[in-house]
Amino acid sequence: MTKRVRITEINVLVEVEKDGDSYHAFAPALKGLHVEGATKEQAFRNAEEAIDVYLDSMYRENERLPIGPYLSVKYEPIKKSIGSRFFQNVTVKCPTQRMFGTS
């Protein structure tokens, strides 16, 4: 099967909190992702590195991204054709007018 979309960006919410003399960072969308740092900036950097490794592992294991309030993706539009079938991403604003019964 041909891939019809290409992810260009993944946004993951990271929360950092003071924990004694250091800072604890975690990503609610990525179960088990917890790191720390001497400063909040270092905690964010460590989380970014850990997220990179985590997502790489998910990709290799063919796991689905936990898209929701704490993780979002941005797709690159891809236009392709296979025989007489054509593919293109179409973006609509949400909520649409039809969702509320107006046109």
Protein backbone atom coordinates (compact mmCIF):
# COMPACT_ATOMS: atom_id res chain seq x y z
CA MET A 1 0.00 0.00 0.00
CA THR A 2 1.28 3.47 -0.88
CA LYS A 3 1.57 6.11 1.84
CA ARG A 4 -0.83 8.95 1.08
CA VAL A 5 0.37 11.45 3.66
CA ARG A 6 3.72 12.62 4.92
CA ILE A 7 4.01 13.91 8.48
CA THR A 8 6.13 17.06 8.53
CA GLU A 9 5.80 18.05 12.18
CA ILE A 10 4.79 16.46 15.45
CA ASN A 11 3.91 18.70 18.41
CA VAL A 12 4.08 17.12 21.86
CA LEU A 13 3.08 18.95 25.04
CA VAL A 14 5.79 18.70 27.72
CA GLU A 15 5.15 19.65 31.32
CA VAL A 16 8.03 20.65 33.61
CA GLU A 17 7.78 21.02 37.36
CA LYS A 18 10.24 21.74 40.15
CA ASP A 19 11.31 18.56 41.94
CA GLY A 20 13.61 19.29 44.85
CA ASP A 21 16.86 20.70 43.47
CA SER A 22 16.08 19.70 39.88
CA TYR A 23 13.22 19.80 37.38
CA HIS A 24 11.05 16.90 36.28
CA ALA A 25 9.68 16.84 32.71
CA PHE A 26 7.10 14.50 31.24
CA ALA A 27 4.91 14.19 28.18
CA PRO A 28 1.31 13.18 29.03
CA ALA A 29 0.77 11.80 25.50
CA LEU A 30 3.77 9.48 25.67
CA LYS A 31 3.32 6.93 28.42
CA GLY A 32 6.43 6.50 30.54
CA LEU A 33 8.35 9.47 29.14
CA HIS A 34 9.88 11.14 32.20
CA VAL A 35 13.22 12.97 32.37
CA GLU A 36 14.85 15.53 34.60
CA GLY A 37 17.29 18.39 34.34
CA ALA A 38 19.25 20.73 36.58
CA THR A 39 17.31 23.68 35.10
CA LYS A 40 13.89 23.89 33.47
CA GLU A 41 15.57 24.62 30.13
CA GLN A 42 17.70 21.49 30.47
CA ALA A 43 14.61 19.47 31.41
CA PHE A 44 12.88 20.67 28.21
CA ARG A 45 15.98 19.82 26.13
CA ASN A 46 16.20 16.37 27.73
CA ALA A 47 12.50 15.83 27.04
CA GLU A 48 12.98 16.83 23.40
CA GLU A 49 15.76 14.26 23.01
CA ALA A 50 13.70 11.57 24.77
CA ILE A 51 10.69 12.34 22.56
CA ASP A 52 12.85 11.91 19.46
CA VAL A 53 13.95 8.46 20.64
CA TYR A 54 10.41 7.53 21.75
CA LEU A 55 8.84 8.48 18.41
CA ASP A 56 11.59 6.70 16.48
CA SER A 57 10.83 3.55 18.46
CA MET A 58 7.10 3.92 17.76
CA TYR A 59 7.84 4.29 14.04
CA ARG A 60 10.06 1.19 13.98
CA GLU A 61 7.38 -0.82 15.83
CA ASN A 62 4.67 0.50 13.46
CA GLU A 63 2.67 1.93 16.40
CA ARG A 64 0.05 4.62 15.94
CA LEU A 65 0.66 8.11 17.25
CA PRO A 66 -1.54 9.00 20.24
CA ILE A 67 -3.07 12.06 18.56
CA GLY A 68 -5.17 14.08 20.95
CA PRO A 69 -5.01 17.14 23.18
CA TYR A 70 -1.33 16.55 24.06
CA LEU A 71 0.02 15.47 20.65
CA SER A 72 -0.79 16.84 17.21
CA VAL A 73 0.66 16.34 13.76
CA LYS A 74 1.02 18.45 10.66
CA TYR A 75 0.79 16.73 7.29
CA GLU A 76 2.34 17.71 3.99
CA PRO A 77 -0.13 17.57 1.11
CA ILE A 78 0.76 14.78 -1.29
CA LYS A 79 -0.60 14.53 -4.81
CA LYS A 80 -0.22 11.11 -6.41
CA SER A 81 -1.87 8.89 -8.93
CA ILE A 82 -1.88 5.14 -9.27
CA GLY A 83 -3.48 4.03 -12.49
CA SER A 84 -6.86 5.74 -12.63
CA ARG A 85 -6.89 6.53 -8.88
CA PHE A 86 -5.76 9.98 -7.66
CA PHE A 87 -4.83 11.02 -4.12
CA GLN A 88 -4.57 14.45 -2.55
CA ASN A 89 -4.99 15.71 1.01
CA VAL A 90 -7.89 18.10 1.45
CA THR A 91 -8.03 20.40 4.49
CA VAL A 92 -11.28 21.72 5.93
CA LYS A 93 -11.79 23.99 8.90
CA CYS A 94 -13.35 22.40 11.94
CA PRO A 95 -15.99 22.63 13.12
CA THR A 96 -17.59 22.85 9.70
CA GLN A 97 -20.81 24.78 9.11
CA ARG A 98 -22.64 21.52 8.35
CA MET A 99 -21.83 20.24 11.85
CA PHE A 100 -24.12 22.96 13.21
CA GLY A 101 -26.85 22.67 10.58
CA THR A 102 -25.94 25.86 8.67
CA SER A 103 -24.68 26.13 5.14
